[in-house]
Amino acid sequence: MWKEAQAVILGSLIIGIGINLFFIPYHILDGGIIGLGLIFHYLWNVEVGITIVVISVPIYIMAWKSYRLFFYKSIPGLVVSALFIDLCSLFPFNQYTFGPLTSAVVGGLLLGVGVGYMFRYDISTGGLDLLAQMVADATKVNVGIVIFVVDILVVVAGLYVISPTELLLSTIAVTATAFSTTLLTGSVHSTRHTHA
């Protein structure tokens, strides 16, 4: 239980820093539910975390009906990561700039580490990541690969809020996220049920 709580807190903190320190200053999109939250943020300046929770509700209804275990295990990941994303937005991260390309790569790697660390304990950040985890479990495809496909679709959907340069940076960020998530979850399918 302690290791799972540690994974949720540390993973969520890493995600919150990655988004606010690296993505938002350069209008970079992530994929999945976070990407949708960022689209809403760039359009209407709404809080990313709150938006993620609201958009996740229909997926949670589906998970309740067919994947009850993932439903319970992803609630902490969803709520805590959304909380950390919005809390980290209160810090003056805009004082620190690393350049757009560095931010895309480092921010993407950080998000992948945060998400992947939680996945190692069967904890999801909810939303489309929860959906991806259900698909990965059913098909035995690595969850990082499934997330990569979903993420690219979300980035493409955000074309109307980002420039071509930001699209390229977002694609790099999503690729970096998938890379680090895949590295951290490579052996999850063989060990995932030992954590339950």
C-alpha atoms as a PDB file:
ATOM      1  CA  MET A   1       0.000   0.000   0.000  1.00  0.00           C
ATOM      2  CA  TRP A   2       2.817   2.411   0.881  1.00  0.00           C
ATOM      3  CA  LYS A   3       4.603   1.754  -2.411  1.00  0.00           C
ATOM      4  CA  GLU A   4       1.403   2.412  -4.361  1.00  0.00           C
ATOM      5  CA  ALA A   5       0.799   5.670  -2.467  1.00  0.00           C
ATOM      6  CA  GLN A   6       4.400   6.684  -3.117  1.00  0.00           C
ATOM      7  CA  ALA A   7       3.981   5.899  -6.830  1.00  0.00           C
ATOM      8  CA  VAL A   8       0.825   8.040  -7.035  1.00  0.00           C
ATOM      9  CA  ILE A   9       2.356  11.036  -5.263  1.00  0.00           C
ATOM     10  CA  LEU A  10       5.747  10.970  -6.958  1.00  0.00           C
ATOM     11  CA  GLY A  11       4.322  10.139 -10.376  1.00  0.00           C
ATOM     12  CA  SER A  12       1.751  12.921 -10.105  1.00  0.00           C
ATOM     13  CA  LEU A  13       4.378  15.451  -9.010  1.00  0.00           C
ATOM     14  CA  ILE A  14       6.579  14.541 -11.993  1.00  0.00           C
ATOM     15  CA  ILE A  15       3.605  14.919 -14.350  1.00  0.00           C
ATOM     16  CA  GLY A  16       2.641  18.270 -12.840  1.00  0.00           C
ATOM     17  CA  ILE A  17       6.173  19.636 -13.241  1.00  0.00           C
ATOM     18  CA  GLY A  18       6.471  18.291 -16.783  1.00  0.00           C
ATOM     19  CA  ILE A  19       3.279  19.994 -17.907  1.00  0.00           C
ATOM     20  CA  ASN A  20       3.708  23.344 -16.178  1.00  0.00           C
ATOM     21  CA  LEU A  21       7.468  23.806 -16.507  1.00  0.00           C
ATOM     22  CA  PHE A  22       7.986  22.399 -19.993  1.00  0.00           C
ATOM     23  CA  PHE A  23       4.729  22.121 -21.968  1.00  0.00           C
ATOM     24  CA  ILE A  24       2.560  25.138 -21.188  1.00  0.00           C
ATOM     25  CA  PRO A  25       5.234  27.843 -21.747  1.00  0.00           C
ATOM     26  CA  TYR A  26       5.670  26.659 -25.349  1.00  0.00           C
ATOM     27  CA  HIS A  27       2.054  25.730 -26.105  1.00  0.00           C
ATOM     28  CA  ILE A  28       2.999  22.058 -26.409  1.00  0.00           C
ATOM     29  CA  LEU A  29       0.274  19.452 -26.402  1.00  0.00           C
ATOM     30  CA  ASP A  30       0.410  16.055 -24.807  1.00  0.00           C
ATOM     31  CA  GLY A  31      -1.797  13.223 -25.904  1.00  0.00           C
ATOM     32  CA  GLY A  32      -4.546  11.448 -24.033  1.00  0.00           C
ATOM     33  CA  ILE A  33      -6.730  13.102 -21.457  1.00  0.00           C
ATOM     34  CA  ILE A  34      -3.946  15.519 -20.487  1.00  0.00           C
ATOM     35  CA  GLY A  35      -3.765  16.651 -24.110  1.00  0.00           C
ATOM     36  CA  LEU A  36      -7.493  17.314 -24.103  1.00  0.00           C
ATOM     37  CA  GLY A  37      -7.087  19.270 -20.862  1.00  0.00           C
ATOM     38  CA  LEU A  38      -4.305  21.318 -22.459  1.00  0.00           C
ATOM     39  CA  ILE A  39      -6.477  22.030 -25.522  1.00  0.00           C
ATOM     40  CA  PHE A  40      -9.174  23.432 -23.238  1.00  0.00           C
ATOM     41  CA  HIS A  41      -6.529  25.395 -21.322  1.00  0.00           C
ATOM     42  CA  TYR A  42      -5.093  26.967 -24.488  1.00  0.00           C
ATOM     43  CA  LEU A  43      -8.564  27.793 -25.783  1.00  0.00           C
ATOM     44  CA  TRP A  44     -10.263  29.124 -22.648  1.00  0.00           C
ATOM     45  CA  ASN A  45      -7.547  29.273 -19.952  1.00  0.00           C
ATOM     46  CA  VAL A  46      -9.367  26.732 -17.762  1.00  0.00           C
ATOM     47  CA  GLU A  47      -7.475  24.629 -15.251  1.00  0.00           C
ATOM     48  CA  VAL A  48      -5.991  21.512 -16.837  1.00  0.00           C
ATOM     49  CA  GLY A  49      -6.512  19.241 -13.817  1.00  0.00           C
ATOM     50  CA  ILE A  50     -10.177  20.057 -13.296  1.00  0.00           C
ATOM     51  CA  THR A  51     -10.842  19.611 -17.006  1.00  0.00           C
ATOM     52  CA  ILE A  52      -9.181  16.186 -16.935  1.00  0.00           C
ATOM     53  CA  VAL A  53     -11.464  15.033 -14.123  1.00  0.00           C
ATOM     54  CA  VAL A  54     -14.609  16.232 -15.887  1.00  0.00           C
ATOM     55  CA  ILE A  55     -13.698  14.662 -19.239  1.00  0.00           C
ATOM     56  CA  SER A  56     -12.817  11.370 -17.517  1.00  0.00           C
ATOM     57  CA  VAL A  57     -16.316  10.775 -16.135  1.00  0.00           C
ATOM     58  CA  PRO A  58     -17.711   8.849 -19.180  1.00  0.00           C
ATOM     59  CA  ILE A  59     -14.644   6.601 -19.289  1.00  0.00           C
ATOM     60  CA  TYR A  60     -15.014   5.884 -15.590  1.00  0.00           C
ATOM     61  CA  ILE A  61     -18.614   4.863 -16.140  1.00  0.00           C
ATOM     62  CA  MET A  62     -17.399   2.374 -18.756  1.00  0.00           C
ATOM     63  CA  ALA A  63     -14.621   1.134 -16.453  1.00  0.00           C
ATOM     64  CA  TRP A  64     -17.132   0.646 -13.621  1.00  0.00           C
ATOM     65  CA  LYS A  65     -19.168  -1.679 -15.810  1.00  0.00           C
ATOM     66  CA  SER A  66     -16.394  -3.801 -17.292  1.00  0.00           C
ATOM     67  CA  TYR A  67     -13.073  -3.122 -15.529  1.00  0.00           C
ATOM     68  CA  ARG A  68     -13.969  -2.614 -11.885  1.00  0.00           C
ATOM     69  CA  LEU A  69     -10.409  -3.254 -10.641  1.00  0.00           C
ATOM     70  CA  PHE A  70      -8.924  -0.606 -12.940  1.00  0.00           C
ATOM     71  CA  PHE A  71     -11.744   1.722 -11.906  1.00  0.00           C
ATOM     72  CA  TYR A  72     -10.699   1.560  -8.265  1.00  0.00           C
ATOM     73  CA  LYS A  73      -6.974   1.630  -8.984  1.00  0.00           C
ATOM     74  CA  SER A  74      -7.164   4.639 -11.301  1.00  0.00           C
ATOM     75  CA  ILE A  75      -9.232   6.956  -9.087  1.00  0.00           C
ATOM     76  CA  PRO A  76      -6.231   7.910  -6.899  1.00  0.00           C
ATOM     77  CA  GLY A  77      -4.082   8.429 -10.001  1.00  0.00           C
ATOM     78  CA  LEU A  78      -6.686  10.637 -11.659  1.00  0.00           C
ATOM     79  CA  VAL A  79      -7.499  12.776  -8.622  1.00  0.00           C
ATOM     80  CA  VAL A  80      -3.940  13.194  -7.324  1.00  0.00           C
ATOM     81  CA  SER A  81      -2.386  13.863 -10.739  1.00  0.00           C
ATOM     82  CA  ALA A  82      -5.113  16.422 -11.552  1.00  0.00           C
ATOM     83  CA  LEU A  83      -4.483  18.059  -8.172  1.00  0.00           C
ATOM     84  CA  PHE A  84      -0.715  18.219  -8.701  1.00  0.00           C
ATOM     85  CA  ILE A  85      -1.111  19.574 -12.238  1.00  0.00           C
ATOM     86  CA  ASP A  86      -3.221  22.457 -10.947  1.00  0.00           C
ATOM     87  CA  LEU A  87      -1.072  23.017  -7.843  1.00  0.00           C
ATOM     88  CA  CYS A  88       2.104  23.173  -9.917  1.00  0.00           C
ATOM     89  CA  SER A  89       0.451  25.801 -12.118  1.00  0.00           C
ATOM     90  CA  LEU A  90       0.582  28.151  -9.109  1.00  0.00           C
ATOM     91  CA  PHE A  91       4.391  28.220  -9.179  1.00  0.00           C
ATOM     92  CA  PRO A  92       6.110  30.855 -11.370  1.00  0.00           C
ATOM     93  CA  PHE A  93       7.552  28.306 -13.785  1.00  0.00           C
ATOM     94  CA  ASN A  94       7.503  30.886 -16.580  1.00  0.00           C
ATOM     95  CA  GLN A  95      10.660  32.359 -15.036  1.00  0.00           C
ATOM     96  CA  TYR A  96      12.555  29.298 -16.216  1.00  0.00           C
ATOM     97  CA  THR A  97      12.899  28.606 -19.924  1.00  0.00           C
ATOM     98  CA  PHE A  98      14.770  25.738 -21.539  1.00  0.00           C
ATOM     99  CA  GLY A  99      13.954  26.315 -25.191  1.00  0.00           C
ATOM    100  CA  PRO A 100      11.106  24.701 -27.131  1.00  0.00           C
ATOM    101  CA  LEU A 101      12.901  21.556 -28.341  1.00  0.00           C
ATOM    102  CA  THR A 102      14.475  20.796 -24.972  1.00  0.00           C
ATOM    103  CA  SER A 103      11.122  21.389 -23.305  1.00  0.00           C
ATOM    104  CA  ALA A 104       9.346  19.010 -25.691  1.00  0.00           C
ATOM    105  CA  VAL A 105      11.871  16.233 -25.092  1.00  0.00           C
ATOM    106  CA  VAL A 106      12.391  16.659 -21.346  1.00  0.00           C
ATOM    107  CA  GLY A 107       8.724  17.374 -20.651  1.00  0.00           C
ATOM    108  CA  GLY A 108       7.685  14.312 -22.641  1.00  0.00           C
ATOM    109  CA  LEU A 109      10.212  12.105 -20.858  1.00  0.00           C
ATOM    110  CA  LEU A 110       9.000  13.369 -17.481  1.00  0.00           C
ATOM    111  CA  LEU A 111       5.371  12.668 -18.294  1.00  0.00           C
ATOM    112  CA  GLY A 112       6.283   9.163 -19.423  1.00  0.00           C
ATOM    113  CA  VAL A 113       8.214   8.545 -16.220  1.00  0.00           C
ATOM    114  CA  GLY A 114       5.315   9.775 -14.087  1.00  0.00           C
ATOM    115  CA  VAL A 115       2.691   7.737 -15.933  1.00  0.00           C
ATOM    116  CA  GLY A 116       4.916   4.670 -16.286  1.00  0.00           C
ATOM    117  CA  TYR A 117       5.887   4.657 -12.623  1.00  0.00           C
ATOM    118  CA  MET A 118       2.227   4.515 -11.641  1.00  0.00           C
ATOM    119  CA  PHE A 119       1.455   1.875 -14.268  1.00  0.00           C
ATOM    120  CA  ARG A 120       4.044  -0.404 -12.669  1.00  0.00           C
ATOM    121  CA  TYR A 121       1.682  -0.608  -9.703  1.00  0.00           C
ATOM    122  CA  ASP A 122      -1.448  -0.969 -11.871  1.00  0.00           C
ATOM    123  CA  ILE A 123      -2.347   2.668 -11.175  1.00  0.00           C
ATOM    124  CA  SER A 124      -3.631   4.780 -14.029  1.00  0.00           C
ATOM    125  CA  THR A 125      -3.992   8.530 -14.349  1.00  0.00           C
ATOM    126  CA  GLY A 126      -7.478   7.846 -15.645  1.00  0.00           C
ATOM    127  CA  GLY A 127      -9.164   9.153 -18.745  1.00  0.00           C
ATOM    128  CA  LEU A 128      -7.719   7.947 -22.022  1.00  0.00           C
ATOM    129  CA  ASP A 129      -4.773   6.399 -20.160  1.00  0.00           C
ATOM    130  CA  LEU A 130      -7.264   4.207 -18.322  1.00  0.00           C
ATOM    131  CA  LEU A 131      -8.841   3.305 -21.660  1.00  0.00           C
ATOM    132  CA  ALA A 132      -5.387   2.540 -23.075  1.00  0.00           C
ATOM    133  CA  GLN A 133      -4.580   0.365 -20.076  1.00  0.00           C
ATOM    134  CA  MET A 134      -7.774  -1.645 -20.606  1.00  0.00           C
ATOM    135  CA  VAL A 135      -6.938  -2.099 -24.297  1.00  0.00           C
ATOM    136  CA  ALA A 136      -3.359  -3.100 -23.479  1.00  0.00           C
ATOM    137  CA  ASP A 137      -4.526  -5.636 -20.906  1.00  0.00           C
ATOM    138  CA  ALA A 138      -7.000  -7.159 -23.365  1.00  0.00           C
ATOM    139  CA  THR A 139      -4.591  -7.294 -26.335  1.00  0.00           C
ATOM    140  CA  LYS A 140      -1.287  -7.875 -24.459  1.00  0.00           C
ATOM    141  CA  VAL A 141       0.202  -4.951 -26.398  1.00  0.00           C
ATOM    142  CA  ASN A 142       2.563  -2.817 -24.308  1.00  0.00           C
ATOM    143  CA  VAL A 143       0.581   0.014 -22.743  1.00  0.00           C
ATOM    144  CA  GLY A 144       3.187   2.562 -23.861  1.00  0.00           C
ATOM    145  CA  ILE A 145       2.526   1.706 -27.505  1.00  0.00           C
ATOM    146  CA  VAL A 146      -1.254   1.947 -27.059  1.00  0.00           C
ATOM    147  CA  ILE A 147      -0.884   5.314 -25.358  1.00  0.00           C
ATOM    148  CA  PHE A 148       1.361   6.534 -28.185  1.00  0.00           C
ATOM    149  CA  VAL A 149      -1.358   5.840 -30.779  1.00  0.00           C
ATOM    150  CA  VAL A 150      -4.052   7.527 -28.667  1.00  0.00           C
ATOM    151  CA  ASP A 151      -1.764  10.478 -27.943  1.00  0.00           C
ATOM    152  CA  ILE A 152      -1.030  11.122 -31.603  1.00  0.00           C
ATOM    153  CA  LEU A 153      -4.769  11.153 -32.344  1.00  0.00           C
ATOM    154  CA  VAL A 154      -5.334  13.757 -29.617  1.00  0.00           C
ATOM    155  CA  VAL A 155      -2.456  15.922 -30.875  1.00  0.00           C
ATOM    156  CA  VAL A 156      -3.918  15.818 -34.385  1.00  0.00           C
ATOM    157  CA  ALA A 157      -7.288  16.833 -32.914  1.00  0.00           C
ATOM    158  CA  GLY A 158      -5.571  19.870 -31.375  1.00  0.00           C
ATOM    159  CA  LEU A 159      -4.417  21.242 -34.730  1.00  0.00           C
ATOM    160  CA  TYR A 160      -6.852  24.128 -34.506  1.00  0.00           C
ATOM    161  CA  VAL A 161      -5.213  25.493 -31.338  1.00  0.00           C
ATOM    162  CA  ILE A 162      -1.522  25.006 -32.129  1.00  0.00           C
ATOM    163  CA  SER A 163       0.786  26.188 -34.904  1.00  0.00           C
ATOM    164  CA  PRO A 164       2.682  23.819 -37.248  1.00  0.00           C
ATOM    165  CA  THR A 165       5.824  24.359 -35.164  1.00  0.00           C
ATOM    166  CA  GLU A 166       3.921  23.538 -31.982  1.00  0.00           C
ATOM    167  CA  LEU A 167       2.498  20.459 -33.711  1.00  0.00           C
ATOM    168  CA  LEU A 168       6.042  19.254 -34.413  1.00  0.00           C
ATOM    169  CA  LEU A 169       7.074  19.948 -30.810  1.00  0.00           C
ATOM    170  CA  SER A 170       3.963  18.145 -29.543  1.00  0.00           C
ATOM    171  CA  THR A 171       4.731  15.118 -31.713  1.00  0.00           C
ATOM    172  CA  ILE A 172       8.264  15.034 -30.298  1.00  0.00           C
ATOM    173  CA  ALA A 173       6.871  15.329 -26.774  1.00  0.00           C
ATOM    174  CA  VAL A 174       4.383  12.489 -27.322  1.00  0.00           C
ATOM    175  CA  THR A 175       7.146  10.304 -28.755  1.00  0.00           C
ATOM    176  CA  ALA A 176       9.356  11.024 -25.740  1.00  0.00           C
ATOM    177  CA  THR A 177       6.449  10.216 -23.412  1.00  0.00           C
ATOM    178  CA  ALA A 178       5.793   6.904 -25.154  1.00  0.00           C
ATOM    179  CA  PHE A 179       9.498   6.042 -25.049  1.00  0.00           C
ATOM    180  CA  SER A 180       9.904   6.503 -21.300  1.00  0.00           C
ATOM    181  CA  THR A 181       6.511   4.910 -20.526  1.00  0.00           C
ATOM    182  CA  THR A 182       7.439   1.855 -22.585  1.00  0.00           C
ATOM    183  CA  LEU A 183      10.805   1.544 -20.832  1.00  0.00           C
ATOM    184  CA  LEU A 184       9.154   1.631 -17.415  1.00  0.00           C
ATOM    185  CA  THR A 185       6.311  -0.753 -18.285  1.00  0.00           C
ATOM    186  CA  GLY A 186       8.158  -3.319 -20.391  1.00  0.00           C
ATOM    187  CA  SER A 187       7.703  -6.086 -17.812  1.00  0.00           C
ATOM    188  CA  VAL A 188       4.345  -4.991 -16.414  1.00  0.00           C
ATOM    189  CA  HIS A 189       2.280  -7.678 -18.142  1.00  0.00           C
ATOM    190  CA  SER A 190       4.369 -10.412 -16.590  1.00  0.00           C
ATOM    191  CA  THR A 191       4.224  -8.923 -13.069  1.00  0.00           C
ATOM    192  CA  ARG A 192       1.124  -6.726 -12.904  1.00  0.00           C
ATOM    193  CA  HIS A 193      -1.070  -9.143 -10.979  1.00  0.00           C
ATOM    194  CA  THR A 194       1.558  -9.617  -8.285  1.00  0.00           C
ATOM    195  CA  HIS A 195       0.914  -6.028  -7.168  1.00  0.00           C
ATOM    196  CA  ALA A 196      -2.833  -6.458  -6.694  1.00  0.00           C
END
